[in-house]
Amino acid sequence: MKHLYSDFLRDKKVHSLNEAFYKRLLKAVTGSQPVPYFRKVYGNGRKIYDDHIFNTIHNDRILQIIQREPASEQPVLKGFNRDNF
């Protein structure tokens, strides 16, 4: 499996491309433009570039994209809902 944007934690430009990819994907899946649920910035206003790629709210649910660095060739998808807590 080829990993998209595998250097996203070390390169801000790659991180931004990764974020844009997931925003397009969420728009395609939900049918609406995703709007951030909370801002990913430090207290001084600078953007945080970490593994928490994007978040939004859709149908009263918070959707979060969290991407880890590639550890294997097998994809992993995890989901949580209120019943898991």
C-alpha atoms as a PDB file:
ATOM      1  CA  MET A   1       0.000   0.000   0.000  1.00  0.00           C
ATOM      2  CA  LYS A   2       1.314   3.441  -0.897  1.00  0.00           C
ATOM      3  CA  HIS A   3       0.978   5.955   1.944  1.00  0.00           C
ATOM      4  CA  LEU A   4      -0.241   9.402   0.950  1.00  0.00           C
ATOM      5  CA  TYR A   5       1.655  12.293   2.497  1.00  0.00           C
ATOM      6  CA  SER A   6       3.794  10.035   4.681  1.00  0.00           C
ATOM      7  CA  ASP A   7       6.133  12.942   5.537  1.00  0.00           C
ATOM      8  CA  PHE A   8       3.290  15.093   6.935  1.00  0.00           C
ATOM      9  CA  LEU A   9       4.748  15.391  10.450  1.00  0.00           C
ATOM     10  CA  ARG A  10       8.082  16.764   9.238  1.00  0.00           C
ATOM     11  CA  ASP A  11       6.996  19.065   6.401  1.00  0.00           C
ATOM     12  CA  LYS A  12       4.393  21.816   6.899  1.00  0.00           C
ATOM     13  CA  LYS A  13       3.603  21.981   3.172  1.00  0.00           C
ATOM     14  CA  VAL A  14       2.971  18.229   3.067  1.00  0.00           C
ATOM     15  CA  HIS A  15       0.830  18.534   6.221  1.00  0.00           C
ATOM     16  CA  SER A  16      -1.276  21.204   4.486  1.00  0.00           C
ATOM     17  CA  LEU A  17      -1.694  18.983   1.403  1.00  0.00           C
ATOM     18  CA  ASN A  18      -2.767  16.134   3.687  1.00  0.00           C
ATOM     19  CA  GLU A  19      -5.297  18.367   5.446  1.00  0.00           C
ATOM     20  CA  ALA A  20      -6.722  19.549   2.099  1.00  0.00           C
ATOM     21  CA  PHE A  21      -7.060  15.915   0.966  1.00  0.00           C
ATOM     22  CA  TYR A  22      -9.150  15.015   4.020  1.00  0.00           C
ATOM     23  CA  LYS A  23     -11.298  18.150   3.702  1.00  0.00           C
ATOM     24  CA  ARG A  24     -12.128  17.160   0.107  1.00  0.00           C
ATOM     25  CA  LEU A  25     -12.841  13.599   1.238  1.00  0.00           C
ATOM     26  CA  LEU A  26     -15.170  14.772   4.032  1.00  0.00           C
ATOM     27  CA  LYS A  27     -16.978  17.074   1.608  1.00  0.00           C
ATOM     28  CA  ALA A  28     -17.484  14.181  -0.809  1.00  0.00           C
ATOM     29  CA  VAL A  29     -18.765  11.899   1.973  1.00  0.00           C
ATOM     30  CA  THR A  30     -20.995  14.394   3.828  1.00  0.00           C
ATOM     31  CA  GLY A  31     -22.077  16.568   0.896  1.00  0.00           C
ATOM     32  CA  SER A  32     -21.143  19.779   2.692  1.00  0.00           C
ATOM     33  CA  GLN A  33     -18.025  21.861   3.171  1.00  0.00           C
ATOM     34  CA  PRO A  34     -16.428  20.854   6.479  1.00  0.00           C
ATOM     35  CA  VAL A  35     -15.950  23.682   8.966  1.00  0.00           C
ATOM     36  CA  PRO A  36     -13.467  23.189  11.832  1.00  0.00           C
ATOM     37  CA  TYR A  37     -15.132  22.345  15.141  1.00  0.00           C
ATOM     38  CA  PHE A  38     -12.209  23.735  17.103  1.00  0.00           C
ATOM     39  CA  ARG A  39      -9.132  25.688  16.082  1.00  0.00           C
ATOM     40  CA  LYS A  40      -5.795  23.897  15.988  1.00  0.00           C
ATOM     41  CA  VAL A  41      -3.604  26.773  17.062  1.00  0.00           C
ATOM     42  CA  TYR A  42      -1.270  27.591  19.909  1.00  0.00           C
ATOM     43  CA  GLY A  43      -2.079  30.438  22.291  1.00  0.00           C
ATOM     44  CA  ASN A  44      -0.061  32.790  20.104  1.00  0.00           C
ATOM     45  CA  GLY A  45      -2.227  31.936  17.051  1.00  0.00           C
ATOM     46  CA  ARG A  46       0.357  29.792  15.229  1.00  0.00           C
ATOM     47  CA  LYS A  47      -1.055  26.677  13.567  1.00  0.00           C
ATOM     48  CA  ILE A  48      -0.342  23.293  15.194  1.00  0.00           C
ATOM     49  CA  TYR A  49       1.135  20.746  12.783  1.00  0.00           C
ATOM     50  CA  ASP A  50       0.602  17.362  14.433  1.00  0.00           C
ATOM     51  CA  ASP A  51      -1.157  14.047  13.810  1.00  0.00           C
ATOM     52  CA  HIS A  52      -4.590  15.537  14.515  1.00  0.00           C
ATOM     53  CA  ILE A  53      -5.240  16.522  10.904  1.00  0.00           C
ATOM     54  CA  PHE A  54      -8.761  17.953  10.942  1.00  0.00           C
ATOM     55  CA  ASN A  55     -12.035  18.049  12.883  1.00  0.00           C
ATOM     56  CA  THR A  56     -15.584  19.088  12.013  1.00  0.00           C
ATOM     57  CA  ILE A  57     -19.136  18.563  13.215  1.00  0.00           C
ATOM     58  CA  HIS A  58     -21.719  16.809  11.049  1.00  0.00           C
ATOM     59  CA  ASN A  59     -25.219  15.695  12.063  1.00  0.00           C
ATOM     60  CA  ASP A  60     -24.475  16.568  15.697  1.00  0.00           C
ATOM     61  CA  ARG A  61     -21.366  14.366  15.688  1.00  0.00           C
ATOM     62  CA  ILE A  62     -17.765  15.434  15.860  1.00  0.00           C
ATOM     63  CA  LEU A  63     -15.634  13.918  13.111  1.00  0.00           C
ATOM     64  CA  GLN A  64     -11.882  13.910  13.669  1.00  0.00           C
ATOM     65  CA  ILE A  65      -9.124  12.827  11.308  1.00  0.00           C
ATOM     66  CA  ILE A  66      -6.098  11.625  13.264  1.00  0.00           C
ATOM     67  CA  GLN A  67      -3.283  10.166  11.204  1.00  0.00           C
ATOM     68  CA  ARG A  68      -0.295   8.323  12.592  1.00  0.00           C
ATOM     69  CA  GLU A  69       2.975   7.876  10.772  1.00  0.00           C
ATOM     70  CA  PRO A  70       2.976   4.742   8.590  1.00  0.00           C
ATOM     71  CA  ALA A  71       3.949   1.716  10.677  1.00  0.00           C
ATOM     72  CA  SER A  72       2.941  -1.037   8.264  1.00  0.00           C
ATOM     73  CA  GLU A  73       1.544  -1.619   4.804  1.00  0.00           C
ATOM     74  CA  GLN A  74      -1.898  -2.479   6.230  1.00  0.00           C
ATOM     75  CA  PRO A  75      -4.436   0.358   6.637  1.00  0.00           C
ATOM     76  CA  VAL A  76      -6.123   0.858  10.011  1.00  0.00           C
ATOM     77  CA  LEU A  77      -9.459   2.599  10.512  1.00  0.00           C
ATOM     78  CA  LYS A  78     -10.918   3.182  13.967  1.00  0.00           C
ATOM     79  CA  GLY A  79     -14.231   4.686  14.903  1.00  0.00           C
ATOM     80  CA  PHE A  80     -15.774   5.650  18.222  1.00  0.00           C
ATOM     81  CA  ASN A  81     -19.251   6.623  19.301  1.00  0.00           C
ATOM     82  CA  ARG A  82     -20.927   7.509  22.570  1.00  0.00           C
ATOM     83  CA  ASP A  83     -21.466   3.838  23.427  1.00  0.00           C
ATOM     84  CA  ASN A  84     -17.690   3.279  23.518  1.00  0.00           C
ATOM     85  CA  PHE A  85     -17.158   5.687  26.426  1.00  0.00           C
END
